[in-house]
Amino acid sequence: MRTCFAASTNKYYHHNGEVRFSPYHSGQWCIFLYFLANSIFRKERREAARTLCDKLYFLNKAINGLDLYYEVEMPDIFLLDHPVGTVMGRAKYSNHFSFGQNCTVGNNKGIFPEIGERVNMMSGSKILGKSRIGNNVIIAANAYIKDQDVPSHTIVFGASPYLTFKANTL
């Protein structure tokens, strides 16, 4: 979790140059609860561990409105901001992935997306199915990507199959 927080440029993740976990920051609690449940699940596959993981998952869902199951493999470095209404499915995620409220990553016919490094999902964006998202991509607010590839270094707008791509120079 420290690696995850250290990568953030959000001022609430640092204090006097040091990484900080604040009990008053709901986004940090959200990430903490996910990592706690995921770590327990990976180390302890017993039924008692699964019961505890389920409780942590539902606590996170109740507090933060985020559906991020502990079996989903998030990268070591990911960030979220106001994750209310967000569903993160069993996609392949890469480092420096970030998302906001009402985002969805899910399957289409049992196939999940692959998401490159430094991908930022803005509010209300969706990535579904056999979609491959390149590196350094911004998914614009309310964009809908289904079974479609997005090249690296782009900002993507619109809805599949009529997506619009612009160069991401950020």
N, C-alpha and C. Protein backbone atom coordinates (compact mmCIF):
# COMPACT_ATOMS: atom_id res chain seq x y z
N MET A 1 0.83 -1.19 0.00
CA MET A 1 0.00 0.00 0.00
C MET A 1 0.88 1.26 0.00
N ARG A 2 2.02 1.16 0.66
CA ARG A 2 2.92 2.31 0.71
C ARG A 2 3.38 2.71 -0.69
N THR A 3 3.71 1.71 -1.52
CA THR A 3 4.12 1.97 -2.90
C THR A 3 3.01 2.67 -3.66
N CYS A 4 1.80 2.23 -3.45
CA CYS A 4 0.63 2.81 -4.11
C CYS A 4 0.47 4.28 -3.71
N PHE A 5 0.53 4.56 -2.42
CA PHE A 5 0.34 5.92 -1.94
C PHE A 5 1.51 6.83 -2.34
N ALA A 6 2.73 6.29 -2.34
CA ALA A 6 3.91 7.08 -2.67
C ALA A 6 3.84 7.62 -4.10
N ALA A 7 3.18 6.89 -4.99
CA ALA A 7 3.08 7.30 -6.40
C ALA A 7 2.07 8.42 -6.62
N SER A 8 1.25 8.70 -5.62
CA SER A 8 0.20 9.70 -5.78
C SER A 8 0.75 11.12 -5.68
N THR A 9 0.20 11.99 -6.50
CA THR A 9 0.53 13.41 -6.39
C THR A 9 -0.52 14.16 -5.56
N ASN A 10 -1.52 13.43 -5.07
CA ASN A 10 -2.57 14.01 -4.24
C ASN A 10 -1.96 14.47 -2.92
N LYS A 11 -2.17 15.72 -2.57
CA LYS A 11 -1.55 16.27 -1.36
C LYS A 11 -1.95 15.54 -0.08
N TYR A 12 -3.08 14.87 -0.08
CA TYR A 12 -3.54 14.18 1.12
C TYR A 12 -2.83 12.84 1.34
N TYR A 13 -2.01 12.42 0.41
CA TYR A 13 -1.27 11.17 0.55
C TYR A 13 0.13 11.39 1.11
N HIS A 14 0.49 12.65 1.37
CA HIS A 14 1.82 12.99 1.86
C HIS A 14 1.71 14.07 2.94
N HIS A 15 2.66 14.03 3.87
CA HIS A 15 2.75 15.07 4.89
C HIS A 15 4.23 15.30 5.17
N ASN A 16 4.68 16.54 5.00
CA ASN A 16 6.09 16.89 5.19
C ASN A 16 7.02 15.98 4.40
N GLY A 17 6.64 15.67 3.17
CA GLY A 17 7.48 14.85 2.30
C GLY A 17 7.41 13.36 2.54
N GLU A 18 6.63 12.93 3.50
CA GLU A 18 6.51 11.51 3.82
C GLU A 18 5.14 10.98 3.39
N VAL A 19 5.13 9.71 2.99
CA VAL A 19 3.86 9.06 2.65
C VAL A 19 3.03 8.97 3.92
N ARG A 20 1.74 9.20 3.77
CA ARG A 20 0.88 9.25 4.96
C ARG A 20 -0.43 8.51 4.70
N PHE A 21 -0.86 7.76 5.69
CA PHE A 21 -2.18 7.13 5.67
C PHE A 21 -3.06 7.92 6.63
N SER A 22 -4.08 8.54 6.10
CA SER A 22 -4.97 9.34 6.93
C SER A 22 -6.29 8.60 7.16
N PRO A 23 -6.67 8.41 8.40
CA PRO A 23 -7.96 7.77 8.68
C PRO A 23 -9.15 8.64 8.29
N TYR A 24 -8.88 9.89 7.90
CA TYR A 24 -9.96 10.80 7.51
C TYR A 24 -10.12 10.94 6.00
N HIS A 25 -9.40 10.14 5.23
CA HIS A 25 -9.46 10.19 3.77
C HIS A 25 -10.13 8.91 3.27
N SER A 26 -11.36 9.04 2.78
CA SER A 26 -12.12 7.84 2.40
C SER A 26 -11.49 7.07 1.25
N GLY A 27 -10.83 7.76 0.33
CA GLY A 27 -10.15 7.07 -0.76
C GLY A 27 -9.03 6.18 -0.26
N GLN A 28 -8.30 6.66 0.74
CA GLN A 28 -7.23 5.85 1.31
C GLN A 28 -7.80 4.63 2.04
N TRP A 29 -8.89 4.82 2.76
CA TRP A 29 -9.54 3.69 3.43
C TRP A 29 -9.99 2.66 2.40
N CYS A 30 -10.51 3.14 1.31
CA CYS A 30 -10.99 2.26 0.24
C CYS A 30 -9.85 1.38 -0.28
N ILE A 31 -8.71 2.00 -0.59
CA ILE A 31 -7.55 1.26 -1.07
C ILE A 31 -7.04 0.31 0.00
N PHE A 32 -6.99 0.78 1.25
CA PHE A 32 -6.54 -0.06 2.36
C PHE A 32 -7.41 -1.31 2.51
N LEU A 33 -8.73 -1.14 2.50
CA LEU A 33 -9.63 -2.29 2.66
C LEU A 33 -9.48 -3.29 1.51
N TYR A 34 -9.30 -2.77 0.28
CA TYR A 34 -9.08 -3.68 -0.85
C TYR A 34 -7.78 -4.46 -0.65
N PHE A 35 -6.66 -3.76 -0.38
CA PHE A 35 -5.37 -4.44 -0.22
C PHE A 35 -5.40 -5.43 0.95
N LEU A 36 -6.07 -5.07 2.03
CA LEU A 36 -6.17 -5.97 3.17
C LEU A 36 -6.88 -7.26 2.78
N ALA A 37 -8.05 -7.15 2.18
CA ALA A 37 -8.82 -8.33 1.78
C ALA A 37 -8.07 -9.14 0.72
N ASN A 38 -7.48 -8.48 -0.26
CA ASN A 38 -6.75 -9.17 -1.32
C ASN A 38 -5.52 -9.90 -0.76
N SER A 39 -4.81 -9.27 0.16
CA SER A 39 -3.63 -9.90 0.76
C SER A 39 -4.00 -11.12 1.58
N ILE A 40 -5.04 -11.01 2.37
CA ILE A 40 -5.51 -12.16 3.16
C ILE A 40 -5.93 -13.28 2.22
N PHE A 41 -6.67 -12.96 1.18
CA PHE A 41 -7.13 -13.97 0.22
C PHE A 41 -5.96 -14.69 -0.44
N ARG A 42 -4.94 -13.95 -0.86
CA ARG A 42 -3.80 -14.56 -1.55
C ARG A 42 -2.96 -15.43 -0.63
N LYS A 43 -2.90 -15.08 0.66
CA LYS A 43 -2.06 -15.84 1.59
C LYS A 43 -2.80 -16.98 2.27
N GLU A 44 -4.08 -16.82 2.47
CA GLU A 44 -4.88 -17.79 3.22
C GLU A 44 -6.10 -18.20 2.41
N ARG A 45 -6.06 -19.33 1.78
CA ARG A 45 -7.19 -19.76 0.94
C ARG A 45 -8.23 -20.58 1.72
N ARG A 46 -8.14 -20.56 3.02
CA ARG A 46 -9.11 -21.31 3.84
C ARG A 46 -10.47 -20.62 3.85
N GLU A 47 -11.48 -21.39 4.20
CA GLU A 47 -12.85 -20.86 4.23
C GLU A 47 -12.99 -19.71 5.22
N ALA A 48 -12.32 -19.82 6.38
CA ALA A 48 -12.40 -18.74 7.37
C ALA A 48 -11.82 -17.45 6.81
N ALA A 49 -10.74 -17.55 6.05
CA ALA A 49 -10.14 -16.36 5.44
C ALA A 49 -11.10 -15.76 4.41
N ARG A 50 -11.75 -16.61 3.64
CA ARG A 50 -12.70 -16.12 2.63
C ARG A 50 -13.85 -15.38 3.30
N THR A 51 -14.31 -15.87 4.43
CA THR A 51 -15.39 -15.21 5.17
C THR A 51 -14.95 -13.81 5.61
N LEU A 52 -13.74 -13.69 6.12
CA LEU A 52 -13.22 -12.38 6.52
C LEU A 52 -13.07 -11.47 5.30
N CYS A 53 -12.56 -12.01 4.21
CA CYS A 53 -12.41 -11.22 2.97
C CYS A 53 -13.76 -10.72 2.47
N ASP A 54 -14.77 -11.58 2.54
CA ASP A 54 -16.12 -11.17 2.14
C ASP A 54 -16.60 -9.99 2.99
N LYS A 55 -16.35 -10.07 4.28
CA LYS A 55 -16.78 -8.99 5.18
C LYS A 55 -16.06 -7.68 4.86
N LEU A 56 -14.76 -7.76 4.58
CA LEU A 56 -14.00 -6.56 4.21
C LEU A 56 -14.48 -5.99 2.89
N TYR A 57 -14.77 -6.87 1.93
CA TYR A 57 -15.30 -6.44 0.63
C TYR A 57 -16.63 -5.70 0.80
N PHE A 58 -17.54 -6.29 1.58
CA PHE A 58 -18.85 -5.66 1.78
C PHE A 58 -18.75 -4.38 2.60
N LEU A 59 -17.82 -4.33 3.55
CA LEU A 59 -17.59 -3.09 4.30
C LEU A 59 -17.13 -1.98 3.36
N ASN A 60 -16.19 -2.30 2.48
CA ASN A 60 -15.71 -1.32 1.51
C ASN A 60 -16.85 -0.87 0.59
N LYS A 61 -17.65 -1.82 0.16
CA LYS A 61 -18.78 -1.49 -0.72
C LYS A 61 -19.79 -0.59 0.00
N ALA A 62 -20.05 -0.88 1.27
CA ALA A 62 -21.02 -0.09 2.04
C ALA A 62 -20.49 1.32 2.33
N ILE A 63 -19.23 1.42 2.69
CA ILE A 63 -18.65 2.73 3.04
C ILE A 63 -18.42 3.59 1.80
N ASN A 64 -17.88 2.98 0.75
CA ASN A 64 -17.40 3.75 -0.40
C ASN A 64 -18.21 3.59 -1.67
N GLY A 65 -19.17 2.67 -1.69
CA GLY A 65 -19.98 2.47 -2.90
C GLY A 65 -19.17 1.92 -4.06
N LEU A 66 -18.10 1.20 -3.75
CA LEU A 66 -17.20 0.65 -4.77
C LEU A 66 -17.33 -0.87 -4.80
N ASP A 67 -17.52 -1.42 -5.99
CA ASP A 67 -17.54 -2.87 -6.17
C ASP A 67 -16.18 -3.28 -6.72
N LEU A 68 -15.27 -3.63 -5.82
CA LEU A 68 -13.92 -4.08 -6.16
C LEU A 68 -13.65 -5.33 -5.34
N TYR A 69 -13.95 -6.48 -5.94
CA TYR A 69 -13.85 -7.76 -5.25
C TYR A 69 -12.39 -8.09 -4.95
N TYR A 70 -12.15 -8.73 -3.83
CA TYR A 70 -10.78 -9.03 -3.40
C TYR A 70 -10.05 -10.01 -4.31
N GLU A 71 -10.76 -10.77 -5.15
CA GLU A 71 -10.09 -11.67 -6.10
C GLU A 71 -9.61 -10.93 -7.35
N VAL A 72 -10.08 -9.72 -7.57
CA VAL A 72 -9.62 -8.92 -8.71
C VAL A 72 -8.18 -8.50 -8.41
N GLU A 73 -7.29 -8.69 -9.38
CA GLU A 73 -5.88 -8.34 -9.20
C GLU A 73 -5.61 -6.93 -9.70
N MET A 74 -5.65 -6.00 -8.78
CA MET A 74 -5.29 -4.62 -9.12
C MET A 74 -3.76 -4.51 -9.12
N PRO A 75 -3.21 -3.53 -9.83
CA PRO A 75 -1.75 -3.38 -9.84
C PRO A 75 -1.25 -2.84 -8.50
N ASP A 76 0.06 -2.89 -8.32
CA ASP A 76 0.65 -2.37 -7.08
C ASP A 76 0.39 -0.87 -6.92
N ILE A 77 0.30 -0.17 -8.04
CA ILE A 77 0.07 1.28 -8.00
C ILE A 77 -1.22 1.59 -8.75
N PHE A 78 -2.25 1.95 -7.99
CA PHE A 78 -3.49 2.44 -8.58
C PHE A 78 -4.07 3.48 -7.66
N LEU A 79 -4.85 4.37 -8.21
CA LEU A 79 -5.44 5.44 -7.42
C LEU A 79 -6.90 5.60 -7.78
N LEU A 80 -7.64 6.13 -6.84
CA LEU A 80 -9.05 6.39 -7.07
C LEU A 80 -9.41 7.70 -6.40
N ASP A 81 -10.46 8.30 -6.89
CA ASP A 81 -10.93 9.54 -6.31
C ASP A 81 -12.45 9.52 -6.34
N HIS A 82 -13.07 9.55 -5.20
CA HIS A 82 -14.52 9.50 -5.09
C HIS A 82 -15.08 8.31 -5.88
N PRO A 83 -14.82 7.08 -5.45
CA PRO A 83 -15.17 5.90 -6.25
C PRO A 83 -16.64 5.48 -6.21
N VAL A 84 -17.51 6.30 -5.69
CA VAL A 84 -18.92 5.94 -5.54
C VAL A 84 -19.51 5.48 -6.88
N GLY A 85 -20.19 4.36 -6.87
CA GLY A 85 -20.87 3.86 -8.06
C GLY A 85 -19.97 3.16 -9.05
N THR A 86 -18.73 2.87 -8.66
CA THR A 86 -17.77 2.26 -9.58
C THR A 86 -17.74 0.75 -9.41
N VAL A 87 -17.58 0.04 -10.54
CA VAL A 87 -17.44 -1.41 -10.57
C VAL A 87 -16.16 -1.74 -11.33
N MET A 88 -15.23 -2.42 -10.66
CA MET A 88 -13.98 -2.84 -11.29
C MET A 88 -13.99 -4.36 -11.41
N GLY A 89 -14.12 -4.86 -12.63
CA GLY A 89 -14.17 -6.29 -12.89
C GLY A 89 -12.79 -6.92 -13.01
N ARG A 90 -12.78 -8.16 -13.46
CA ARG A 90 -11.56 -8.98 -13.48
C ARG A 90 -10.69 -8.76 -14.72
N ALA A 91 -10.47 -7.52 -15.05
CA ALA A 91 -9.61 -7.17 -16.19
C ALA A 91 -8.15 -7.37 -15.83
N LYS A 92 -7.28 -7.19 -16.81
CA LYS A 92 -5.84 -7.15 -16.56
C LYS A 92 -5.45 -5.68 -16.46
N TYR A 93 -5.07 -5.26 -15.26
CA TYR A 93 -4.73 -3.87 -14.99
C TYR A 93 -3.21 -3.70 -14.92
N SER A 94 -2.73 -2.52 -15.26
CA SER A 94 -1.31 -2.20 -15.17
C SER A 94 -1.12 -1.02 -14.22
N ASN A 95 0.13 -0.78 -13.82
CA ASN A 95 0.44 0.27 -12.85
C ASN A 95 0.01 1.66 -13.31
N HIS A 96 -0.23 2.48 -12.31
CA HIS A 96 -0.65 3.88 -12.48
C HIS A 96 -2.03 3.99 -13.12
N PHE A 97 -2.87 3.02 -12.81
CA PHE A 97 -4.27 3.05 -13.24
C PHE A 97 -5.04 3.90 -12.25
N SER A 98 -5.93 4.76 -12.74
CA SER A 98 -6.74 5.57 -11.83
C SER A 98 -8.16 5.69 -12.36
N PHE A 99 -9.08 5.89 -11.44
CA PHE A 99 -10.48 6.02 -11.83
C PHE A 99 -11.23 6.89 -10.84
N GLY A 100 -12.35 7.44 -11.31
CA GLY A 100 -13.21 8.27 -10.49
C GLY A 100 -14.56 7.63 -10.30
N GLN A 101 -15.58 8.43 -10.06
CA GLN A 101 -16.91 7.92 -9.75
C GLN A 101 -17.63 7.37 -10.98
N ASN A 102 -18.48 6.39 -10.72
CA ASN A 102 -19.36 5.79 -11.74
C ASN A 102 -18.62 5.20 -12.93
N CYS A 103 -17.44 4.68 -12.71
CA CYS A 103 -16.69 4.01 -13.78
C CYS A 103 -16.99 2.51 -13.75
N THR A 104 -16.90 1.88 -14.91
CA THR A 104 -17.13 0.44 -15.00
C THR A 104 -16.06 -0.20 -15.87
N VAL A 105 -15.49 -1.29 -15.37
CA VAL A 105 -14.64 -2.18 -16.16
C VAL A 105 -15.28 -3.54 -16.03
N GLY A 106 -15.71 -4.12 -17.15
CA GLY A 106 -16.43 -5.38 -17.07
C GLY A 106 -16.27 -6.24 -18.31
N ASN A 107 -16.95 -7.36 -18.29
CA ASN A 107 -16.82 -8.34 -19.37
C ASN A 107 -17.92 -8.19 -20.42
N ASN A 108 -17.67 -8.78 -21.55
CA ASN A 108 -18.67 -9.00 -22.59
C ASN A 108 -18.46 -10.43 -23.05
N LYS A 109 -19.46 -11.25 -22.84
CA LYS A 109 -19.39 -12.68 -23.19
C LYS A 109 -18.21 -13.37 -22.52
N GLY A 110 -17.93 -12.98 -21.26
CA GLY A 110 -16.89 -13.61 -20.47
C GLY A 110 -15.47 -13.13 -20.75
N ILE A 111 -15.30 -12.16 -21.63
CA ILE A 111 -13.98 -11.64 -21.96
C ILE A 111 -13.82 -10.26 -21.32
N PHE A 112 -12.69 -10.08 -20.62
CA PHE A 112 -12.42 -8.83 -19.91
C PHE A 112 -11.34 -8.01 -20.63
N PRO A 113 -11.31 -6.70 -20.41
CA PRO A 113 -10.32 -5.83 -21.05
C PRO A 113 -8.89 -6.03 -20.51
N GLU A 114 -7.93 -5.53 -21.29
CA GLU A 114 -6.54 -5.40 -20.87
C GLU A 114 -6.23 -3.91 -20.87
N ILE A 115 -5.72 -3.43 -19.75
CA ILE A 115 -5.52 -1.99 -19.57
C ILE A 115 -4.04 -1.71 -19.34
N GLY A 116 -3.46 -0.84 -20.16
CA GLY A 116 -2.04 -0.51 -20.09
C GLY A 116 -1.70 0.39 -18.91
N GLU A 117 -0.44 0.82 -18.87
CA GLU A 117 0.05 1.69 -17.80
C GLU A 117 -0.39 3.13 -18.00
N ARG A 118 -0.58 3.80 -16.89
CA ARG A 118 -0.96 5.22 -16.86
C ARG A 118 -2.26 5.49 -17.60
N VAL A 119 -3.25 4.69 -17.27
CA VAL A 119 -4.59 4.88 -17.83
C VAL A 119 -5.45 5.54 -16.77
N ASN A 120 -6.16 6.60 -17.16
CA ASN A 120 -6.99 7.37 -16.25
C ASN A 120 -8.43 7.34 -16.77
N MET A 121 -9.33 6.75 -15.99
CA MET A 121 -10.76 6.72 -16.34
C MET A 121 -11.46 7.88 -15.64
N MET A 122 -12.00 8.78 -16.43
CA MET A 122 -12.73 9.91 -15.88
C MET A 122 -14.16 9.47 -15.53
N SER A 123 -14.89 10.32 -14.84
CA SER A 123 -16.23 10.00 -14.33
C SER A 123 -17.14 9.41 -15.40
N GLY A 124 -17.80 8.33 -15.04
CA GLY A 124 -18.80 7.73 -15.91
C GLY A 124 -18.27 6.94 -17.09
N SER A 125 -16.97 6.77 -17.19
CA SER A 125 -16.41 6.03 -18.33
C SER A 125 -16.53 4.53 -18.12
N LYS A 126 -16.53 3.81 -19.26
CA LYS A 126 -16.73 2.36 -19.22
C LYS A 126 -15.78 1.69 -20.21
N ILE A 127 -15.20 0.55 -19.78
CA ILE A 127 -14.38 -0.28 -20.64
C ILE A 127 -14.90 -1.70 -20.50
N LEU A 128 -15.35 -2.28 -21.61
CA LEU A 128 -15.97 -3.60 -21.55
C LEU A 128 -15.38 -4.54 -22.60
N GLY A 129 -15.42 -5.83 -22.26
CA GLY A 129 -15.14 -6.88 -23.22
C GLY A 129 -13.72 -6.92 -23.73
N LYS A 130 -13.60 -7.35 -24.98
CA LYS A 130 -12.30 -7.56 -25.62
C LYS A 130 -11.73 -6.22 -26.08
N SER A 131 -11.41 -5.39 -25.10
CA SER A 131 -10.83 -4.07 -25.36
C SER A 131 -9.40 -4.07 -24.85
N ARG A 132 -8.51 -3.50 -25.62
CA ARG A 132 -7.12 -3.34 -25.20
C ARG A 132 -6.83 -1.85 -25.18
N ILE A 133 -6.48 -1.36 -23.99
CA ILE A 133 -6.21 0.06 -23.81
C ILE A 133 -4.70 0.23 -23.72
N GLY A 134 -4.13 1.08 -24.56
CA GLY A 134 -2.69 1.30 -24.57
C GLY A 134 -2.21 2.05 -23.34
N ASN A 135 -0.95 2.44 -23.35
CA ASN A 135 -0.34 3.18 -22.24
C ASN A 135 -0.58 4.68 -22.40
N ASN A 136 -0.62 5.37 -21.26
CA ASN A 136 -0.77 6.83 -21.23
C ASN A 136 -2.05 7.27 -21.96
N VAL A 137 -3.16 6.72 -21.49
CA VAL A 137 -4.46 6.99 -22.11
C VAL A 137 -5.39 7.64 -21.09
N ILE A 138 -6.14 8.61 -21.53
CA ILE A 138 -7.21 9.20 -20.72
C ILE A 138 -8.53 8.80 -21.37
N ILE A 139 -9.38 8.15 -20.59
CA ILE A 139 -10.73 7.79 -21.04
C ILE A 139 -11.63 8.94 -20.58
N ALA A 140 -12.13 9.72 -21.50
CA ALA A 140 -12.90 10.92 -21.17
C ALA A 140 -14.18 10.57 -20.41
N ALA A 141 -14.72 11.57 -19.73
CA ALA A 141 -15.97 11.39 -18.99
C ALA A 141 -17.05 10.83 -19.91
N ASN A 142 -17.73 9.81 -19.42
CA ASN A 142 -18.85 9.16 -20.09
C ASN A 142 -18.48 8.42 -21.38
N ALA A 143 -17.20 8.23 -21.65
CA ALA A 143 -16.80 7.44 -22.82
C ALA A 143 -17.20 5.98 -22.59
N TYR A 144 -17.55 5.29 -23.68
CA TYR A 144 -18.01 3.90 -23.62
C TYR A 144 -17.21 3.09 -24.63
N ILE A 145 -16.34 2.22 -24.11
CA ILE A 145 -15.48 1.41 -24.97
C ILE A 145 -15.89 -0.05 -24.82
N LYS A 146 -16.29 -0.67 -25.92
CA LYS A 146 -16.71 -2.07 -25.88
C LYS A 146 -16.07 -2.82 -27.05
N ASP A 147 -15.29 -3.85 -26.72
CA ASP A 147 -14.67 -4.71 -27.73
C ASP A 147 -13.90 -3.90 -28.77
N GLN A 148 -13.14 -2.92 -28.30
CA GLN A 148 -12.41 -2.05 -29.21
C GLN A 148 -11.07 -1.67 -28.58
N ASP A 149 -10.03 -1.52 -29.40
CA ASP A 149 -8.71 -1.14 -28.92
C ASP A 149 -8.56 0.37 -28.93
N VAL A 150 -7.76 0.85 -27.98
CA VAL A 150 -7.43 2.27 -27.88
C VAL A 150 -5.91 2.38 -27.92
N PRO A 151 -5.36 3.12 -28.88
CA PRO A 151 -3.90 3.22 -28.99
C PRO A 151 -3.29 4.01 -27.83
N SER A 152 -2.01 3.76 -27.59
CA SER A 152 -1.26 4.49 -26.57
C SER A 152 -1.22 5.98 -26.88
N HIS A 153 -1.04 6.76 -25.83
CA HIS A 153 -0.84 8.22 -25.92
C HIS A 153 -2.04 8.93 -26.55
N THR A 154 -3.24 8.52 -26.13
CA THR A 154 -4.44 9.15 -26.66
C THR A 154 -5.40 9.55 -25.55
N ILE A 155 -6.29 10.45 -25.92
CA ILE A 155 -7.47 10.76 -25.12
C ILE A 155 -8.63 10.25 -25.96
N VAL A 156 -9.50 9.45 -25.37
CA VAL A 156 -10.59 8.84 -26.13
C VAL A 156 -11.92 9.40 -25.65
N PHE A 157 -12.77 9.74 -26.62
CA PHE A 157 -14.10 10.30 -26.37
C PHE A 157 -15.14 9.46 -27.11
N GLY A 158 -16.39 9.56 -26.68
CA GLY A 158 -17.49 8.96 -27.43
C GLY A 158 -17.84 7.56 -26.99
N ALA A 159 -18.54 6.85 -27.90
CA ALA A 159 -19.03 5.51 -27.60
C ALA A 159 -18.71 4.57 -28.75
N SER A 160 -18.30 3.35 -28.39
CA SER A 160 -18.03 2.33 -29.42
C SER A 160 -19.28 2.08 -30.23
N PRO A 161 -19.13 1.87 -31.51
CA PRO A 161 -17.89 1.77 -32.30
C PRO A 161 -17.43 3.11 -32.87
N TYR A 162 -17.98 4.20 -32.40
CA TYR A 162 -17.69 5.53 -32.98
C TYR A 162 -16.82 6.36 -32.04
N LEU A 163 -15.69 5.83 -31.64
CA LEU A 163 -14.80 6.53 -30.73
C LEU A 163 -14.00 7.61 -31.48
N THR A 164 -13.65 8.65 -30.74
CA THR A 164 -12.80 9.71 -31.27
C THR A 164 -11.51 9.71 -30.46
N PHE A 165 -10.37 9.75 -31.15
CA PHE A 165 -9.07 9.75 -30.49
C PHE A 165 -8.35 11.06 -30.76
N LYS A 166 -7.75 11.60 -29.70
CA LYS A 166 -6.90 12.79 -29.83
C LYS A 166 -5.58 12.48 -29.14
N ALA A 167 -4.53 13.14 -29.57
CA ALA A 167 -3.21 12.91 -28.98
C ALA A 167 -3.21 13.34 -27.51
N ASN A 168 -2.63 12.51 -26.68
CA ASN A 168 -2.46 12.84 -25.27
C ASN A 168 -1.03 13.32 -25.08
N THR A 169 -0.86 14.61 -24.95
CA THR A 169 0.47 15.19 -24.79
C THR A 169 0.79 15.49 -23.33
N LEU A 170 -0.07 15.04 -22.44
CA LEU A 170 0.15 15.29 -21.01
C LEU A 170 1.19 14.36 -20.43
